[in-house]
Amino acid sequence: MTPPTIHFSPDNPHPVQRTLFRPVPQGSPLSPTLFNLYILKVAQLRTPAKMLFFADDVVIYSRDSNLTSTTLNLRSSILHFSETLQPYSKIQLHDYQFN
C-alpha cells in the first residue's frame, strides 16, 4: 500500500506533491485548514449567487425580488460549482441537498 499524497497548487501549473506519512486524525484542528486549501479554487469562484463556507459545508444562496432571476442565479452557480469540483474526485455533491 502506498502512502497518501497531497497536491497543492493555488495557481501553479506544476502542483507541489508531498507524501503524508501520518494521516491527520479526524477532529484535528488542522483538518479545516487542509480542507480549505483543498477547495481553494472553489472558494474563489465568481458566481451570480453567493457562497458561504463553514468547515466542510457550503451554502449557495441568492437574493432578488424576482423569483425567476433568483432561480437562474442559483442554477447557474450550482452548475459552475459542480463543474469546478469534477477534478476533485473525493468531493461529491448530493442531489438531495439541492431540493
N, C-alpha and C. Protein backbone atom coordinates (compact mmCIF):
# COMPACT_ATOMS: atom_id res chain seq x y z
N MET A 1 0.84 -1.18 0.00
CA MET A 1 0.00 0.00 0.00
C MET A 1 0.88 1.24 0.00
N THR A 2 0.62 2.16 -0.92
CA THR A 2 1.42 3.38 -0.99
C THR A 2 0.86 4.42 -0.03
N PRO A 3 1.72 5.21 0.58
CA PRO A 3 1.24 6.25 1.49
C PRO A 3 0.48 7.33 0.71
N PRO A 4 -0.50 7.98 1.35
CA PRO A 4 -1.26 9.02 0.66
C PRO A 4 -0.39 10.23 0.36
N THR A 5 -0.78 10.96 -0.67
CA THR A 5 -0.06 12.18 -1.04
C THR A 5 -1.02 13.34 -1.06
N ILE A 6 -0.48 14.53 -0.96
CA ILE A 6 -1.26 15.76 -1.07
C ILE A 6 -0.64 16.60 -2.18
N HIS A 7 -1.48 17.19 -3.00
CA HIS A 7 -1.04 18.06 -4.09
C HIS A 7 -1.54 19.46 -3.78
N PHE A 8 -0.65 20.43 -3.83
CA PHE A 8 -1.03 21.81 -3.56
C PHE A 8 -0.60 22.67 -4.73
N SER A 9 -1.58 23.36 -5.32
CA SER A 9 -1.30 24.17 -6.49
C SER A 9 -2.27 25.35 -6.58
N PRO A 10 -2.06 26.40 -5.78
CA PRO A 10 -3.01 27.52 -5.84
C PRO A 10 -2.72 28.46 -7.00
N ASP A 11 -2.74 28.14 -8.20
CA ASP A 11 -2.44 28.95 -9.38
C ASP A 11 -1.08 28.61 -9.97
N ASN A 12 -0.58 27.42 -9.67
CA ASN A 12 0.69 26.98 -10.21
C ASN A 12 0.41 25.80 -11.13
N PRO A 13 0.83 25.86 -12.39
CA PRO A 13 0.55 24.73 -13.30
C PRO A 13 1.28 23.45 -12.90
N HIS A 14 2.28 23.56 -12.05
CA HIS A 14 3.04 22.39 -11.58
C HIS A 14 2.80 22.23 -10.08
N PRO A 15 1.81 21.41 -9.70
CA PRO A 15 1.50 21.30 -8.27
C PRO A 15 2.63 20.69 -7.46
N VAL A 16 2.72 21.10 -6.24
CA VAL A 16 3.70 20.55 -5.31
C VAL A 16 3.08 19.29 -4.72
N GLN A 17 3.81 18.18 -4.78
CA GLN A 17 3.30 16.92 -4.24
C GLN A 17 4.12 16.53 -3.03
N ARG A 18 3.45 16.19 -1.96
CA ARG A 18 4.11 15.75 -0.74
C ARG A 18 3.47 14.45 -0.28
N THR A 19 4.29 13.55 0.24
CA THR A 19 3.79 12.30 0.79
C THR A 19 3.41 12.50 2.24
N LEU A 20 2.24 11.98 2.61
CA LEU A 20 1.80 12.05 4.01
C LEU A 20 2.18 10.75 4.70
N PHE A 21 3.07 10.83 5.66
CA PHE A 21 3.50 9.63 6.36
C PHE A 21 2.56 9.30 7.51
N ARG A 22 1.92 10.30 8.03
CA ARG A 22 0.91 10.09 9.06
C ARG A 22 -0.34 10.87 8.64
N PRO A 23 -1.47 10.21 8.58
CA PRO A 23 -2.69 10.96 8.24
C PRO A 23 -3.08 11.89 9.37
N VAL A 24 -3.81 12.93 9.02
CA VAL A 24 -4.32 13.86 10.03
C VAL A 24 -5.50 13.17 10.70
N PRO A 25 -5.49 13.05 12.02
CA PRO A 25 -6.60 12.38 12.69
C PRO A 25 -7.91 13.16 12.53
N GLN A 26 -9.02 12.42 12.47
CA GLN A 26 -10.32 13.07 12.38
C GLN A 26 -10.54 13.92 13.61
N GLY A 27 -11.05 15.13 13.40
CA GLY A 27 -11.28 16.06 14.50
C GLY A 27 -10.06 16.91 14.84
N SER A 28 -8.98 16.74 14.11
CA SER A 28 -7.77 17.52 14.35
C SER A 28 -8.02 18.99 14.03
N PRO A 29 -7.44 19.91 14.79
CA PRO A 29 -7.58 21.34 14.47
C PRO A 29 -7.03 21.70 13.10
N LEU A 30 -6.17 20.85 12.56
CA LEU A 30 -5.59 21.09 11.24
C LEU A 30 -6.55 20.73 10.10
N SER A 31 -7.51 19.86 10.36
CA SER A 31 -8.42 19.37 9.32
C SER A 31 -9.15 20.49 8.57
N PRO A 32 -9.78 21.47 9.25
CA PRO A 32 -10.47 22.53 8.50
C PRO A 32 -9.54 23.33 7.59
N THR A 33 -8.31 23.57 8.04
CA THR A 33 -7.35 24.32 7.22
C THR A 33 -6.98 23.52 5.97
N LEU A 34 -6.72 22.23 6.14
CA LEU A 34 -6.39 21.39 4.99
C LEU A 34 -7.56 21.30 4.01
N PHE A 35 -8.78 21.20 4.53
CA PHE A 35 -9.95 21.17 3.66
C PHE A 35 -10.08 22.48 2.89
N ASN A 36 -9.86 23.61 3.56
CA ASN A 36 -9.95 24.90 2.88
C ASN A 36 -8.90 25.03 1.78
N LEU A 37 -7.70 24.52 2.01
CA LEU A 37 -6.69 24.52 0.95
C LEU A 37 -7.11 23.62 -0.21
N TYR A 38 -7.75 22.50 0.13
CA TYR A 38 -8.18 21.53 -0.89
C TYR A 38 -9.23 22.13 -1.82
N ILE A 39 -10.10 22.98 -1.29
CA ILE A 39 -11.17 23.56 -2.11
C ILE A 39 -10.94 25.04 -2.42
N LEU A 40 -9.70 25.47 -2.36
CA LEU A 40 -9.37 26.87 -2.59
C LEU A 40 -9.92 27.40 -3.91
N LYS A 41 -9.78 26.63 -4.98
CA LYS A 41 -10.29 27.07 -6.29
C LYS A 41 -11.79 27.27 -6.25
N VAL A 42 -12.50 26.39 -5.56
CA VAL A 42 -13.96 26.51 -5.45
C VAL A 42 -14.32 27.77 -4.68
N ALA A 43 -13.60 28.04 -3.63
CA ALA A 43 -13.90 29.22 -2.81
C ALA A 43 -13.67 30.53 -3.57
N GLN A 44 -12.85 30.51 -4.59
CA GLN A 44 -12.54 31.71 -5.36
C GLN A 44 -13.44 31.89 -6.58
N LEU A 45 -14.44 31.01 -6.75
CA LEU A 45 -15.34 31.12 -7.90
C LEU A 45 -16.10 32.44 -7.88
N ARG A 46 -16.31 32.97 -9.06
CA ARG A 46 -17.16 34.15 -9.22
C ARG A 46 -18.47 33.66 -9.82
N THR A 47 -19.52 33.67 -9.03
CA THR A 47 -20.83 33.19 -9.49
C THR A 47 -21.88 34.26 -9.21
N PRO A 48 -23.04 34.18 -9.90
CA PRO A 48 -24.11 35.15 -9.63
C PRO A 48 -24.66 35.04 -8.21
N ALA A 49 -24.65 33.83 -7.65
CA ALA A 49 -25.11 33.64 -6.27
C ALA A 49 -23.92 33.77 -5.32
N LYS A 50 -24.19 33.86 -4.05
CA LYS A 50 -23.15 33.96 -3.02
C LYS A 50 -22.90 32.57 -2.44
N MET A 51 -21.71 32.36 -1.90
CA MET A 51 -21.36 31.10 -1.25
C MET A 51 -20.81 31.37 0.13
N LEU A 52 -21.24 30.54 1.07
CA LEU A 52 -20.71 30.57 2.44
C LEU A 52 -20.08 29.22 2.74
N PHE A 53 -18.92 29.24 3.38
CA PHE A 53 -18.22 28.02 3.74
C PHE A 53 -18.09 27.95 5.25
N PHE A 54 -18.40 26.79 5.80
CA PHE A 54 -18.17 26.53 7.23
C PHE A 54 -17.75 25.08 7.36
N ALA A 55 -16.54 24.87 7.83
CA ALA A 55 -15.97 23.52 7.94
C ALA A 55 -16.08 22.84 6.58
N ASP A 56 -16.81 21.73 6.47
CA ASP A 56 -16.92 21.06 5.17
C ASP A 56 -18.30 21.26 4.53
N ASP A 57 -19.00 22.29 4.97
CA ASP A 57 -20.32 22.61 4.40
C ASP A 57 -20.23 23.86 3.53
N VAL A 58 -21.01 23.86 2.46
CA VAL A 58 -21.08 25.01 1.56
C VAL A 58 -22.56 25.35 1.37
N VAL A 59 -22.88 26.63 1.52
CA VAL A 59 -24.23 27.10 1.26
C VAL A 59 -24.16 28.06 0.07
N ILE A 60 -24.99 27.80 -0.93
CA ILE A 60 -25.09 28.68 -2.09
C ILE A 60 -26.45 29.36 -2.00
N TYR A 61 -26.45 30.69 -2.00
CA TYR A 61 -27.71 31.40 -1.84
C TYR A 61 -27.76 32.61 -2.76
N SER A 62 -28.98 33.08 -3.00
CA SER A 62 -29.18 34.25 -3.85
C SER A 62 -30.37 35.03 -3.34
N ARG A 63 -30.30 36.35 -3.45
CA ARG A 63 -31.42 37.21 -3.05
C ARG A 63 -31.76 38.13 -4.21
N ASP A 64 -33.03 38.17 -4.52
CA ASP A 64 -33.51 39.05 -5.58
C ASP A 64 -35.01 39.19 -5.41
N SER A 65 -35.57 40.29 -5.81
CA SER A 65 -37.02 40.47 -5.71
C SER A 65 -37.76 39.64 -6.76
N ASN A 66 -37.04 39.18 -7.77
CA ASN A 66 -37.63 38.40 -8.85
C ASN A 66 -37.26 36.93 -8.65
N LEU A 67 -38.27 36.08 -8.45
CA LEU A 67 -38.03 34.65 -8.19
C LEU A 67 -37.34 33.97 -9.37
N THR A 68 -37.70 34.33 -10.59
CA THR A 68 -37.09 33.74 -11.77
C THR A 68 -35.60 34.05 -11.82
N SER A 69 -35.26 35.29 -11.55
CA SER A 69 -33.85 35.71 -11.53
C SER A 69 -33.08 34.96 -10.45
N THR A 70 -33.67 34.83 -9.28
CA THR A 70 -33.02 34.12 -8.18
C THR A 70 -32.77 32.67 -8.55
N THR A 71 -33.78 32.03 -9.15
CA THR A 71 -33.66 30.63 -9.56
C THR A 71 -32.57 30.46 -10.61
N LEU A 72 -32.52 31.34 -11.59
CA LEU A 72 -31.48 31.27 -12.63
C LEU A 72 -30.09 31.47 -12.04
N ASN A 73 -29.97 32.42 -11.11
CA ASN A 73 -28.68 32.64 -10.43
C ASN A 73 -28.22 31.40 -9.69
N LEU A 74 -29.14 30.76 -8.97
CA LEU A 74 -28.79 29.56 -8.21
C LEU A 74 -28.41 28.42 -9.13
N ARG A 75 -29.20 28.19 -10.17
CA ARG A 75 -28.89 27.10 -11.10
C ARG A 75 -27.54 27.31 -11.78
N SER A 76 -27.29 28.52 -12.22
CA SER A 76 -26.01 28.83 -12.86
C SER A 76 -24.85 28.61 -11.90
N SER A 77 -25.01 29.06 -10.67
CA SER A 77 -23.94 28.94 -9.68
C SER A 77 -23.70 27.49 -9.31
N ILE A 78 -24.76 26.71 -9.15
CA ILE A 78 -24.61 25.29 -8.80
C ILE A 78 -23.93 24.54 -9.94
N LEU A 79 -24.30 24.85 -11.17
CA LEU A 79 -23.65 24.21 -12.33
C LEU A 79 -22.16 24.55 -12.37
N HIS A 80 -21.83 25.82 -12.20
CA HIS A 80 -20.42 26.26 -12.20
C HIS A 80 -19.66 25.58 -11.05
N PHE A 81 -20.29 25.51 -9.90
CA PHE A 81 -19.70 24.89 -8.71
C PHE A 81 -19.41 23.42 -8.98
N SER A 82 -20.39 22.69 -9.52
CA SER A 82 -20.20 21.26 -9.75
C SER A 82 -19.17 20.99 -10.84
N GLU A 83 -19.11 21.83 -11.87
CA GLU A 83 -18.09 21.67 -12.92
C GLU A 83 -16.69 21.89 -12.35
N THR A 84 -16.57 22.83 -11.44
CA THR A 84 -15.27 23.10 -10.82
C THR A 84 -14.84 21.95 -9.92
N LEU A 85 -15.80 21.26 -9.31
CA LEU A 85 -15.48 20.15 -8.41
C LEU A 85 -15.09 18.87 -9.13
N GLN A 86 -15.39 18.74 -10.41
CA GLN A 86 -15.15 17.49 -11.13
C GLN A 86 -13.72 16.97 -11.00
N PRO A 87 -12.69 17.81 -11.09
CA PRO A 87 -11.32 17.26 -10.94
C PRO A 87 -11.03 16.73 -9.54
N TYR A 88 -11.82 17.15 -8.56
CA TYR A 88 -11.61 16.71 -7.18
C TYR A 88 -12.46 15.47 -6.94
N SER A 89 -11.90 14.31 -7.20
CA SER A 89 -12.68 13.08 -7.17
C SER A 89 -13.24 12.75 -5.79
N LYS A 90 -12.65 13.27 -4.75
CA LYS A 90 -13.08 12.93 -3.39
C LYS A 90 -14.29 13.75 -2.93
N ILE A 91 -14.57 14.86 -3.58
CA ILE A 91 -15.69 15.72 -3.18
C ILE A 91 -16.88 15.38 -4.06
N GLN A 92 -18.00 15.08 -3.42
CA GLN A 92 -19.20 14.72 -4.17
C GLN A 92 -20.36 15.60 -3.72
N LEU A 93 -21.20 15.95 -4.69
CA LEU A 93 -22.42 16.69 -4.39
C LEU A 93 -23.56 15.69 -4.31
N HIS A 94 -24.46 15.91 -3.41
CA HIS A 94 -25.61 15.02 -3.26
C HIS A 94 -26.85 15.78 -3.71
N ASP A 95 -27.63 15.16 -4.61
CA ASP A 95 -28.82 15.81 -5.17
C ASP A 95 -29.80 16.25 -4.11
N TYR A 96 -29.96 15.47 -3.06
CA TYR A 96 -30.96 15.81 -2.06
C TYR A 96 -30.67 17.15 -1.38
N GLN A 97 -29.46 17.62 -1.46
CA GLN A 97 -29.12 18.88 -0.84
C GLN A 97 -29.53 20.06 -1.70
N PHE A 98 -29.98 19.84 -2.93
CA PHE A 98 -30.37 20.91 -3.81
C PHE A 98 -31.87 21.09 -3.90
N ASN A 99 -32.63 20.30 -3.18
CA ASN A 99 -34.09 20.39 -3.24
C ASN A 99 -34.62 21.42 -2.27
